[in-house]
Amino acid sequence: MPDSQPQQQPSEGAPADTTALVLCGARLTDGRTVDVRLGSGRIEAVGTAGSLAAHGTRVDLAGYLLLPAPAEPHAHSDTALTALTPDGPGSYSPEDVQRRATEATLLQLGHGATALRSHVRIGDAQELGRMEAVLQARRSLRGLADLTAVAVPRLLTGLAGADGLAMLRDAVKMGAGVVGGCPDLDPDPAGYAEAVLGIAAEHGCPVDLHTDGDDPVRLARLAAMAGGLRPGVALGPCAGLARLPAETAARAADQLAAAGVTVVCLPQGGCGGVERADADRRSGADRRGTEPPGAESWGPGLPGAERGVAPVQLLRAAGVRIAAGSGALRDVSNPVGRGDPLEAAYLLASQGGMRAADAYDAVSGAARAVMGRPEVRVEAGFPAELLAVRGERIEGVLSLAYSRIVIHRGRVVARTSAVREYCDSAAAVALELPRQGRSVLGNPGP
């Protein structure tokens, strides 16, 4: 069942825009300059520049690279934007959670993510309050972005886990589209994972679990239990794999590949739940019920260990599908988290050793696949989920991705315009220094 299923039902879904829209003069990654006509939420035609007529709106994309839109496979909307609240720790009242979840989703939409999967804690003092707030935010954002909630219970085993199991079932009935959680936080991680997988099979839901991945025995059990489960299992951020000996990590990667598990890495840094579980396991502390501390670092290992990132090259070599998410968005785990998928792709390319095109696919095609979303290509017949970024090549886009136009269900839903100007000097004129967008003085930029 794809993340989008709740939105696709007639009572829930927003209709696709039926007005024709032509994107004129866009550059594609293969170097062609084309016009693209959109209608009824899909790409109707792709032709050479100037070849497509339209009775609707035309959008000039000269100087822009047109790409499949990113998707965000690992957000935390309920804790987003809580790091810098002036009155101390952020409120978790339903009204405040809904407001922050809406704002966070719009921020990430502005970056280009037209579909988002948000992990939402259930239980503790708020019980299902956070879930209801995020689901309400999802409803209010129809037509702008597709937001899916992942139910994340605290405990699922022993006497304390009985309430968690009941609440997890209730969350799915409320509208949570994915079953998740963090087995590392439960006294019985294998029992926790078994409970999650059982409820997911019962309701036909995808599974998306938090794990640091630094325990190869536990990871092997997870892979064995997940193997063959449909519609699929994702694990992340798995940064602990980078701290294991290379041979042990390679064996774990082979097991994940054989099970068909997707790893969702977080190049911009981890998220609170896994970091807390990892720190508690190493210190022997029991911090259940407290808010997560800042990010932890546990010394050298495979590439990525010093940054707390999964070893993407090793995983890809083993055949594991890699998607990339943003994780924390300005919460206590990462007070400067930006939630920008293009930054995640940039980090995979600049520090993770991936080619720029593969890095972008990790935040677009692979991210959409793990979320059960249909594939997007800039070809006739595919969904009109697109991102136009000022630039000529994917490498330049990941380096200087300032001006962006976001298209969801065939209509422009967000636009960010950046203007670069230099002081009036002979050097600037002689060198024809670049600007983006249009001058604030009214002179057109290149």
Protein backbone atom coordinates (compact mmCIF):
# COMPACT_ATOMS: atom_id res chain seq x y z
CA MET A 1 0.00 0.00 0.00
CA PRO A 2 1.64 3.29 -1.02
CA ASP A 3 1.92 6.19 1.39
CA SER A 4 -0.51 8.09 -0.81
CA GLN A 5 -3.42 5.68 -0.42
CA PRO A 6 -5.40 7.78 2.08
CA GLN A 7 -5.16 10.81 -0.21
CA GLN A 8 -6.22 8.83 -3.30
CA GLN A 9 -9.63 7.89 -1.94
CA PRO A 10 -12.40 10.12 -3.31
CA SER A 11 -13.38 11.45 0.10
CA GLU A 12 -9.81 12.37 0.96
CA GLY A 13 -8.03 13.26 -2.28
CA ALA A 14 -7.56 16.65 -3.89
CA PRO A 15 -8.44 16.72 -7.60
CA ALA A 16 -5.59 17.19 -10.04
CA ASP A 17 -5.48 20.55 -11.81
CA THR A 18 -7.30 20.23 -15.14
CA THR A 19 -5.99 23.50 -16.62
CA ALA A 20 -3.32 23.02 -19.27
CA LEU A 21 0.10 24.34 -18.27
CA VAL A 22 3.07 24.56 -20.62
CA LEU A 23 6.60 24.75 -19.24
CA CYS A 24 8.59 26.54 -21.93
CA GLY A 25 12.28 26.25 -22.72
CA ALA A 26 13.22 23.89 -19.88
CA ARG A 27 16.53 22.09 -20.00
CA LEU A 28 16.60 18.34 -19.32
CA THR A 29 19.46 16.32 -17.84
CA ASP A 30 20.23 14.86 -21.28
CA GLY A 31 20.96 18.39 -22.58
CA ARG A 32 17.76 18.92 -24.61
CA THR A 33 15.76 22.12 -24.36
CA VAL A 34 12.06 21.32 -24.46
CA ASP A 35 8.50 22.44 -23.84
CA VAL A 36 6.43 20.28 -21.50
CA ARG A 37 2.64 20.36 -21.46
CA LEU A 38 0.84 19.32 -18.27
CA GLY A 39 -2.81 18.47 -17.79
CA SER A 40 -5.00 16.52 -15.36
CA GLY A 41 -2.04 16.05 -13.06
CA ARG A 42 0.13 14.36 -15.67
CA ILE A 43 2.68 15.16 -18.34
CA GLU A 44 0.73 15.23 -21.59
CA ALA A 45 3.52 15.94 -24.05
CA VAL A 46 7.20 16.78 -24.33
CA GLY A 47 8.40 18.51 -27.49
CA THR A 48 11.14 20.70 -28.85
CA ALA A 49 11.16 24.27 -27.59
CA GLY A 50 8.37 26.30 -29.16
CA SER A 51 6.52 23.28 -30.55
CA LEU A 52 3.68 22.93 -28.02
CA ALA A 53 0.60 25.12 -28.08
CA ALA A 54 -1.48 25.70 -24.97
CA HIS A 55 -4.77 27.36 -24.22
CA GLY A 56 -3.79 27.76 -20.58
CA THR A 57 -0.83 29.17 -18.69
CA ARG A 58 2.74 29.26 -19.95
CA VAL A 59 5.70 29.27 -17.54
CA ASP A 60 9.07 30.41 -18.89
CA LEU A 61 11.75 27.98 -17.68
CA ALA A 62 14.62 29.30 -19.76
CA GLY A 63 17.76 28.81 -17.70
CA TYR A 64 16.15 26.14 -15.50
CA LEU A 65 16.89 22.43 -15.25
CA LEU A 66 13.66 20.40 -15.05
CA LEU A 67 13.77 17.34 -12.78
CA PRO A 68 11.41 14.82 -11.17
CA ALA A 69 10.39 16.36 -7.86
CA PRO A 70 12.12 15.13 -4.70
CA ALA A 71 10.25 13.29 -1.97
CA GLU A 72 11.03 13.37 1.75
CA PRO A 73 11.09 9.81 3.17
CA HIS A 74 12.13 10.67 6.74
CA ALA A 75 10.69 13.78 8.36
CA HIS A 76 9.70 14.48 11.98
CA SER A 77 6.87 17.00 11.66
CA ASP A 78 5.75 16.71 15.28
CA THR A 79 9.11 17.83 16.67
CA ALA A 80 10.09 20.21 13.85
CA LEU A 81 10.84 23.85 14.66
CA THR A 82 11.08 23.27 18.43
CA ALA A 83 14.78 24.04 18.92
CA LEU A 84 14.57 27.81 19.14
CA THR A 85 11.27 28.48 20.83
CA PRO A 86 11.65 31.59 23.03
CA ASP A 87 9.83 30.07 26.01
CA GLY A 88 11.90 26.92 26.42
CA PRO A 89 10.83 23.46 25.19
CA GLY A 90 8.17 23.58 22.52
CA SER A 91 4.56 22.85 23.36
CA TYR A 92 3.08 19.56 22.19
CA SER A 93 -0.54 20.63 22.37
CA PRO A 94 -2.44 19.44 19.28
CA GLU A 95 -2.81 23.03 18.06
CA ASP A 96 0.93 23.75 18.29
CA VAL A 97 1.91 20.43 16.72
CA GLN A 98 -0.51 21.02 13.83
CA ARG A 99 0.85 24.52 13.27
CA ARG A 100 4.48 23.36 13.29
CA ALA A 101 3.74 20.33 11.12
CA THR A 102 2.03 22.55 8.57
CA GLU A 103 4.85 25.09 8.58
CA ALA A 104 7.52 22.39 8.34
CA THR A 105 5.76 20.71 5.42
CA LEU A 106 5.48 24.01 3.57
CA LEU A 107 9.18 24.73 4.17
CA GLN A 108 10.09 21.37 2.68
CA LEU A 109 7.63 21.85 -0.17
CA GLY A 110 9.41 25.10 -0.96
CA HIS A 111 12.64 23.10 -1.24
CA GLY A 112 10.92 20.80 -3.75
CA ALA A 113 9.51 17.83 -1.80
CA THR A 114 5.94 17.28 -3.00
CA ALA A 115 5.48 14.09 -0.95
CA LEU A 116 6.61 13.63 2.66
CA ARG A 117 6.64 10.75 5.13
CA SER A 118 6.63 11.99 8.72
CA HIS A 119 7.46 9.84 11.76
CA VAL A 120 5.09 10.76 14.60
CA ARG A 121 5.46 9.59 18.19
CA ILE A 122 2.45 8.03 19.85
CA GLY A 123 2.07 7.21 23.53
CA ASP A 124 3.69 9.07 26.42
CA ALA A 125 1.67 11.97 27.82
CA GLN A 126 0.29 13.01 24.43
CA GLU A 127 -1.04 9.53 23.58
CA LEU A 128 -2.52 10.02 20.07
CA GLY A 129 -2.62 13.82 20.21
CA ARG A 130 0.43 14.33 18.00
CA MET A 131 -0.91 11.87 15.45
CA GLU A 132 -4.26 13.60 15.23
CA ALA A 133 -2.51 16.96 14.84
CA VAL A 134 -0.30 15.74 11.97
CA LEU A 135 -3.27 14.09 10.26
CA GLN A 136 -5.15 17.38 10.52
CA ALA A 137 -2.16 19.15 8.96
CA ARG A 138 -2.23 16.58 6.17
CA ARG A 139 -5.87 17.36 5.46
CA SER A 140 -5.23 21.10 5.42
CA LEU A 141 -2.37 20.68 2.92
CA ARG A 142 -4.33 18.78 0.28
CA GLY A 143 -3.48 20.03 -3.17
CA LEU A 144 -0.17 21.51 -1.99
CA ALA A 145 1.75 18.45 -0.78
CA ASP A 146 1.06 14.83 0.13
CA LEU A 147 1.90 14.18 3.80
CA THR A 148 1.85 10.67 5.26
CA ALA A 149 2.15 9.84 8.95
CA VAL A 150 4.22 6.98 10.38
CA ALA A 151 3.03 5.77 13.79
CA VAL A 152 6.03 5.48 16.15
CA PRO A 153 5.21 3.78 19.48
CA ARG A 154 7.60 3.80 22.43
CA LEU A 155 7.31 0.24 23.79
CA LEU A 156 5.57 -2.83 22.37
CA THR A 157 6.70 -5.72 24.58
CA GLY A 158 6.08 -6.78 28.18
CA LEU A 159 3.38 -5.32 30.39
CA ALA A 160 4.23 -1.76 29.36
CA GLY A 161 3.92 -2.71 25.70
CA ALA A 162 0.26 -3.70 25.84
CA ASP A 163 -0.87 -0.08 25.74
CA GLY A 164 1.57 0.62 22.92
CA LEU A 165 0.14 -2.21 20.81
CA ALA A 166 -3.42 -0.96 21.30
CA MET A 167 -2.40 2.60 20.50
CA LEU A 168 -0.53 1.50 17.38
CA ARG A 169 -3.65 -0.22 16.05
CA ASP A 170 -5.71 2.88 16.87
CA ALA A 171 -3.22 5.10 15.04
CA VAL A 172 -3.53 3.00 11.88
CA LYS A 173 -7.33 3.17 12.12
CA MET A 174 -7.08 6.97 12.50
CA GLY A 175 -5.17 7.28 9.24
CA ALA A 176 -1.48 6.57 9.85
CA GLY A 177 -0.34 5.14 6.53
CA VAL A 178 2.86 3.46 7.76
CA VAL A 179 3.79 1.44 10.85
CA GLY A 180 7.12 2.37 12.40
CA GLY A 181 9.04 2.65 15.62
CA CYS A 182 12.48 2.19 17.13
CA PRO A 183 13.25 -1.40 18.24
CA ASP A 184 16.51 -0.16 19.82
CA LEU A 185 14.48 1.58 22.56
CA ASP A 186 12.54 -1.53 23.62
CA PRO A 187 13.97 -4.02 26.15
CA ASP A 188 13.12 -6.74 23.59
CA PRO A 189 14.08 -5.33 20.17
CA ALA A 190 13.26 -8.56 18.30
CA GLY A 191 9.85 -8.75 19.98
CA TYR A 192 9.21 -5.11 19.13
CA ALA A 193 10.06 -5.65 15.45
CA GLU A 194 7.91 -8.78 15.33
CA ALA A 195 4.95 -6.83 16.75
CA VAL A 196 5.37 -4.02 14.20
CA LEU A 197 5.65 -6.43 11.29
CA GLY A 198 2.59 -8.34 12.51
CA ILE A 199 0.40 -5.23 12.71
CA ALA A 200 1.69 -4.05 9.33
CA ALA A 201 0.77 -7.41 7.75
CA GLU A 202 -2.62 -7.28 9.46
CA HIS A 203 -3.45 -3.87 7.97
CA GLY A 204 -1.47 -4.09 4.72
CA CYS A 205 0.80 -1.18 5.69
CA PRO A 206 4.42 -0.48 4.81
CA VAL A 207 6.99 -0.60 7.63
CA ASP A 208 9.58 2.07 8.37
CA LEU A 209 11.78 1.41 11.41
CA HIS A 210 14.40 3.54 13.15
CA THR A 211 17.59 1.72 13.96
CA ASP A 212 21.19 2.74 14.37
CA GLY A 213 22.30 -0.57 12.89
CA ASP A 214 25.40 -0.97 15.06
CA ASP A 215 24.37 -4.43 16.33
CA PRO A 216 24.94 -6.90 13.47
CA VAL A 217 23.05 -9.73 15.20
CA ARG A 218 19.99 -7.54 15.73
CA LEU A 219 20.21 -6.23 12.16
CA ALA A 220 20.39 -9.79 10.82
CA ARG A 221 17.22 -10.68 12.74
CA LEU A 222 15.46 -7.61 11.38
CA ALA A 223 16.47 -8.52 7.84
CA ALA A 224 15.30 -12.12 8.28
CA MET A 225 11.91 -11.01 9.65
CA ALA A 226 11.46 -8.35 6.96
CA GLY A 227 12.31 -10.57 4.02
CA GLY A 228 9.38 -11.01 1.67
CA LEU A 229 7.06 -8.64 3.53
CA ARG A 230 4.93 -6.65 1.14
CA PRO A 231 4.51 -3.74 0.55
CA GLY A 232 8.04 -3.45 1.91
CA VAL A 233 10.31 -2.47 4.78
CA ALA A 234 12.58 0.53 5.22
CA LEU A 235 15.25 0.93 7.88
CA GLY A 236 17.15 4.04 8.82
CA PRO A 237 19.30 5.89 9.43
CA CYS A 238 21.67 2.91 10.03
CA ALA A 239 24.64 5.17 10.78
CA GLY A 240 26.00 2.54 13.19
CA LEU A 241 26.89 0.34 10.22
CA ALA A 242 29.72 2.75 9.47
CA ARG A 243 31.26 2.06 12.89
CA LEU A 244 31.40 -1.71 12.41
CA PRO A 245 34.45 -3.53 11.05
CA ALA A 246 34.31 -3.53 7.25
CA GLU A 247 33.81 -7.30 6.96
CA THR A 248 30.96 -7.29 9.49
CA ALA A 249 29.29 -4.33 7.80
CA ALA A 250 29.60 -5.97 4.38
CA ARG A 251 27.93 -9.13 5.68
CA ALA A 252 25.09 -7.07 7.17
CA ALA A 253 24.69 -5.21 3.86
CA ASP A 254 24.38 -8.52 1.99
CA GLN A 255 21.65 -9.63 4.41
CA LEU A 256 19.71 -6.38 3.92
CA ALA A 257 19.99 -6.70 0.15
CA ALA A 258 18.76 -10.30 0.21
CA ALA A 259 15.75 -9.24 2.29
CA GLY A 260 14.86 -6.42 -0.11
CA VAL A 261 15.11 -3.82 2.64
CA THR A 262 15.60 -0.17 1.69
CA VAL A 263 17.95 1.92 3.84
CA VAL A 264 16.93 5.54 4.33
CA CYS A 265 20.08 7.42 5.29
CA LEU A 266 20.21 10.94 6.74
CA PRO A 267 23.22 12.79 5.27
CA GLN A 268 22.38 16.01 7.16
CA GLY A 269 22.58 14.24 10.55
CA GLY A 270 20.53 11.86 12.61
CA CYS A 271 17.25 12.22 14.45
CA GLY A 272 16.59 12.19 18.17
CA GLY A 273 15.15 8.73 18.72
CA VAL A 274 18.04 6.71 17.32
CA GLU A 275 20.71 8.95 18.84
CA ARG A 276 19.13 8.64 22.27
CA ALA A 277 18.82 4.87 21.96
CA ASP A 278 22.43 4.57 20.84
CA ALA A 279 23.73 6.76 23.67
CA ASP A 280 21.63 4.99 26.28
CA ARG A 281 22.79 1.57 25.14
CA ARG A 282 26.43 2.59 25.44
CA SER A 283 26.04 4.31 28.81
CA GLY A 284 23.57 1.91 30.36
CA ALA A 285 21.23 4.84 31.07
CA ASP A 286 17.45 4.63 30.97
CA ARG A 287 16.08 7.89 29.59
CA ARG A 288 12.65 6.74 28.49
CA GLY A 289 10.24 9.66 28.49
CA THR A 290 12.87 12.39 28.07
CA GLU A 291 13.52 14.52 25.02
CA PRO A 292 16.51 13.61 22.84
CA PRO A 293 19.91 15.17 23.45
CA GLY A 294 22.13 16.51 20.71
CA ALA A 295 23.80 14.33 18.15
CA GLU A 296 26.41 11.86 19.30
CA SER A 297 29.64 10.81 17.58
CA TRP A 298 31.30 7.52 18.31
CA GLY A 299 34.66 7.68 16.66
CA PRO A 300 36.22 6.34 13.48
CA GLY A 301 35.05 3.52 11.26
CA LEU A 302 33.90 3.21 7.67
CA PRO A 303 33.44 6.39 5.58
CA GLY A 304 30.58 8.32 7.11
CA ALA A 305 31.19 7.19 10.69
CA GLU A 306 32.67 10.51 11.73
CA ARG A 307 29.53 12.26 10.41
CA GLY A 308 26.98 9.77 11.68
CA VAL A 309 25.91 8.63 8.19
CA ALA A 310 25.31 5.13 6.84
CA PRO A 311 28.08 3.73 4.59
CA VAL A 312 26.19 4.30 1.36
CA GLN A 313 28.89 3.05 -0.99
CA LEU A 314 29.19 -0.27 0.82
CA LEU A 315 25.39 -0.69 0.90
CA ARG A 316 24.99 0.16 -2.78
CA ALA A 317 27.78 -2.25 -3.72
CA ALA A 318 25.83 -5.00 -1.96
CA GLY A 319 22.68 -4.13 -3.91
CA VAL A 320 20.79 -2.33 -1.16
CA ARG A 321 18.46 0.39 -2.40
CA ILE A 322 19.46 3.71 -0.80
CA ALA A 323 17.11 6.61 -0.28
CA ALA A 324 18.01 9.79 1.56
CA GLY A 325 15.96 11.91 3.91
CA SER A 326 16.40 15.02 6.01
CA GLY A 327 15.65 13.82 9.54
CA ALA A 328 15.52 16.62 12.08
CA LEU A 329 14.27 20.04 11.02
CA ARG A 330 15.42 22.59 13.60
CA ASP A 331 14.66 20.48 16.65
CA VAL A 332 17.00 19.65 19.54
CA SER A 333 18.68 16.89 17.52
CA ASN A 334 19.71 19.33 14.82
CA PRO A 335 18.90 22.98 15.61
CA VAL A 336 20.08 24.06 12.15
CA GLY A 337 18.44 21.26 10.15
CA ARG A 338 17.15 22.63 6.84
CA GLY A 339 14.96 19.81 5.59
CA ASP A 340 16.27 20.36 2.07
CA PRO A 341 16.46 17.25 -0.14
CA LEU A 342 18.94 18.95 -2.46
CA GLU A 343 21.27 19.49 0.47
CA ALA A 344 20.99 15.78 1.28
CA ALA A 345 21.90 14.99 -2.33
CA TYR A 346 24.77 17.50 -2.23
CA LEU A 347 26.20 15.81 0.87
CA LEU A 348 25.90 12.35 -0.70
CA ALA A 349 27.82 13.64 -3.73
CA SER A 350 30.42 15.78 -1.95
CA GLN A 351 31.12 13.54 1.05
CA GLY A 352 29.48 10.21 0.29
CA GLY A 353 31.30 9.52 -2.97
CA MET A 354 28.16 9.23 -5.12
CA ARG A 355 27.80 10.64 -8.62
CA ALA A 356 25.59 13.73 -8.66
CA ALA A 357 22.88 11.98 -10.69
CA ASP A 358 22.80 9.01 -8.30
CA ALA A 359 22.73 11.35 -5.31
CA TYR A 360 19.74 13.19 -6.73
CA ASP A 361 17.99 9.89 -7.44
CA ALA A 362 18.37 8.99 -3.75
CA VAL A 363 16.15 11.97 -2.84
CA SER A 364 13.79 11.61 -5.80
CA GLY A 365 13.33 8.28 -7.59
CA ALA A 366 14.52 6.05 -4.75
CA ALA A 367 12.72 8.13 -2.13
CA ARG A 368 9.48 7.94 -4.10
CA ALA A 369 9.90 4.18 -4.54
CA VAL A 370 10.36 3.48 -0.82
CA MET A 371 7.24 5.57 -0.17
CA GLY A 372 5.24 3.58 -2.71
CA ARG A 373 4.82 6.58 -5.00
CA PRO A 374 4.61 6.18 -8.78
CA GLU A 375 7.75 6.75 -10.80
CA VAL A 376 8.26 10.20 -12.29
CA ARG A 377 10.09 10.92 -15.54
CA VAL A 378 9.95 13.98 -17.73
CA GLU A 379 8.08 12.00 -20.35
CA ALA A 380 4.49 11.88 -21.55
CA GLY A 381 2.17 9.88 -19.30
CA PHE A 382 4.09 10.29 -16.05
CA PRO A 383 2.82 12.21 -13.00
CA ALA A 384 3.40 15.96 -13.12
CA GLU A 385 5.51 16.05 -9.94
CA LEU A 386 8.40 18.26 -11.02
CA LEU A 387 11.09 20.61 -9.76
CA ALA A 388 12.69 23.32 -11.89
CA VAL A 389 15.97 24.66 -10.54
CA ARG A 390 18.00 27.45 -12.11
CA GLY A 391 21.06 25.80 -13.64
CA GLU A 392 22.24 23.76 -16.58
CA ARG A 393 23.55 20.51 -15.09
CA ILE A 394 22.72 18.43 -12.06
CA GLU A 395 26.14 19.16 -10.54
CA GLY A 396 25.50 22.90 -10.67
CA VAL A 397 22.01 22.47 -9.28
CA LEU A 398 23.30 20.60 -6.23
CA SER A 399 25.94 23.27 -5.72
CA LEU A 400 23.84 26.44 -6.14
CA ALA A 401 20.18 25.43 -5.94
CA TYR A 402 18.68 28.80 -5.11
CA SER A 403 15.83 29.61 -7.51
CA ARG A 404 13.25 26.83 -7.59
CA ILE A 405 9.77 26.24 -9.03
CA VAL A 406 7.81 23.32 -7.56
CA ILE A 407 5.01 21.58 -9.46
CA HIS A 408 2.56 19.22 -7.75
CA ARG A 409 -0.31 17.49 -9.54
CA GLY A 410 0.26 19.62 -12.60
CA ARG A 411 0.28 23.09 -11.06
CA VAL A 412 2.88 25.43 -9.61
CA VAL A 413 2.58 25.21 -5.81
CA ALA A 414 5.77 26.96 -4.66
CA ARG A 415 8.32 29.35 -6.10
CA THR A 416 11.61 30.60 -4.66
CA SER A 417 13.40 33.37 -6.55
CA ALA A 418 16.95 34.43 -5.82
CA VAL A 419 18.63 37.53 -7.26
CA ARG A 420 22.40 37.93 -7.39
CA GLU A 421 23.74 41.39 -8.13
CA TYR A 422 27.17 42.95 -7.98
CA CYS A 423 28.05 46.58 -7.47
CA ASP A 424 28.35 48.70 -10.57
CA SER A 425 31.96 48.18 -11.64
CA ALA A 426 33.90 47.76 -14.84
CA ALA A 427 35.04 44.30 -13.76
CA ALA A 428 31.48 43.11 -13.27
CA VAL A 429 30.45 44.36 -16.70
CA ALA A 430 33.52 43.02 -18.48
CA LEU A 431 33.26 39.57 -16.94
CA GLU A 432 29.47 39.37 -17.36
CA LEU A 433 29.16 38.04 -13.83
CA PRO A 434 26.06 35.87 -13.40
CA ARG A 435 22.86 36.82 -11.66
CA GLN A 436 19.84 34.71 -10.85
CA GLY A 437 16.31 35.82 -11.51
CA ARG A 438 15.37 39.44 -12.09
CA SER A 439 17.04 42.52 -10.70
CA VAL A 440 15.26 44.34 -7.91
CA LEU A 441 15.87 47.48 -10.00
CA GLY A 442 13.80 46.07 -12.81
CA ASN A 443 16.59 45.07 -15.21
CA PRO A 444 16.29 41.47 -16.45
CA GLY A 445 18.94 39.08 -15.28
CA PRO A 446 20.44 36.40 -17.51
